[in-house]
């Protein structure tokens, strides 16, 4: 899974790499991404689409107030909370 990280979240990026994610810097990477991790009240505009043919769009994760472990769990589930 290619995860783009908003600039300024370098510590989070390093930790997510440790969890096995392919982490790139949003705005510098010119290929498709599967997810975008950002902070703040406003979602950034995303022009990249998912690189996986079975998935459509980009999964957006607001990392405000979340640890890298929590963000990794969200990315793995592809949802913020367990469904059951």
Protein backbone atom coordinates (compact mmCIF):
# COMPACT_ATOMS: atom_id res chain seq x y z
CA UNK A 1 0.00 0.00 0.00
CA UNK A 2 1.40 3.39 -1.01
CA UNK A 3 0.68 5.92 1.73
CA UNK A 4 1.32 9.61 1.11
CA UNK A 5 2.10 11.70 4.17
CA UNK A 6 1.53 15.43 4.48
CA UNK A 7 4.72 17.44 4.88
CA UNK A 8 5.60 17.95 8.53
CA UNK A 9 4.68 14.43 9.61
CA UNK A 10 8.14 12.93 9.12
CA UNK A 11 8.11 11.13 12.49
CA UNK A 12 4.78 9.52 11.62
CA UNK A 13 6.17 8.57 8.19
CA UNK A 14 9.18 6.86 9.72
CA UNK A 15 7.02 4.90 12.15
CA UNK A 16 4.60 3.83 9.40
CA UNK A 17 7.55 2.56 7.36
CA UNK A 18 8.40 0.43 10.39
CA UNK A 19 4.90 -1.07 10.14
CA UNK A 20 5.65 -2.06 6.54
CA UNK A 21 3.92 0.71 4.59
CA UNK A 22 5.45 2.24 1.46
CA UNK A 23 5.44 5.88 2.61
CA UNK A 24 5.95 8.85 0.29
CA UNK A 25 5.68 12.62 0.76
CA UNK A 26 2.44 14.08 -0.55
CA UNK A 27 3.04 16.64 -3.26
CA UNK A 28 6.47 15.28 -4.16
CA UNK A 29 5.45 11.78 -5.29
CA UNK A 30 4.07 11.81 -8.85
CA UNK A 31 2.45 8.36 -9.00
CA UNK A 32 -0.76 6.81 -7.70
CA UNK A 33 -1.36 6.50 -3.97
CA UNK A 34 -3.73 4.33 -1.96
CA UNK A 35 -4.04 6.50 1.14
CA UNK A 36 -3.25 10.01 2.37
CA UNK A 37 -2.40 10.78 5.99
CA UNK A 38 -2.86 14.45 6.91
CA UNK A 39 -3.56 16.68 9.91
CA UNK A 40 -5.78 19.69 10.38
CA UNK A 41 -9.40 20.57 9.93
CA UNK A 42 -9.33 20.77 6.14
CA UNK A 43 -8.72 17.85 3.83
CA UNK A 44 -6.17 18.53 1.11
CA UNK A 45 -7.16 18.22 -2.53
CA UNK A 46 -6.07 14.82 -3.85
CA UNK A 47 -5.61 14.29 -7.56
CA UNK A 48 -4.02 10.82 -7.38
CA UNK A 49 -6.12 7.69 -7.67
CA UNK A 50 -5.67 4.28 -6.14
CA UNK A 51 -3.00 2.13 -7.70
CA UNK A 52 -4.93 -1.05 -6.94
CA UNK A 53 -7.40 -2.12 -9.63
CA UNK A 54 -9.86 -3.54 -7.07
CA UNK A 55 -9.99 -0.27 -5.11
CA UNK A 56 -11.28 3.11 -6.21
CA UNK A 57 -10.20 6.44 -4.81
CA UNK A 58 -7.84 7.43 -2.04
CA UNK A 59 -8.41 6.53 1.62
CA UNK A 60 -8.03 9.70 3.71
CA UNK A 61 -6.81 9.46 7.31
CA UNK A 62 -6.72 12.48 9.61
CA UNK A 63 -3.82 11.79 11.98
CA UNK A 64 -4.69 14.59 14.42
CA UNK A 65 -4.54 13.14 17.93
CA UNK A 66 -3.60 9.66 16.70
CA UNK A 67 -0.43 7.66 17.23
CA UNK A 68 1.36 5.93 14.37
CA UNK A 69 0.07 2.61 15.73
CA UNK A 70 -3.51 3.88 15.55
CA UNK A 71 -3.01 5.21 12.01
CA UNK A 72 -1.45 1.89 10.94
CA UNK A 73 -4.47 0.01 12.32
CA UNK A 74 -6.82 2.36 10.44
CA UNK A 75 -4.87 1.84 7.22
CA UNK A 76 -4.88 -1.93 7.63
CA UNK A 77 -8.64 -2.03 8.29
CA UNK A 78 -9.38 0.73 5.74
CA UNK A 79 -11.92 2.08 8.20
CA UNK A 80 -11.68 4.28 11.30
CA UNK A 81 -13.49 1.91 13.64
CA UNK A 82 -14.12 -1.83 13.63
CA UNK A 83 -17.39 -2.69 11.92
CA UNK A 84 -18.24 -5.38 14.52
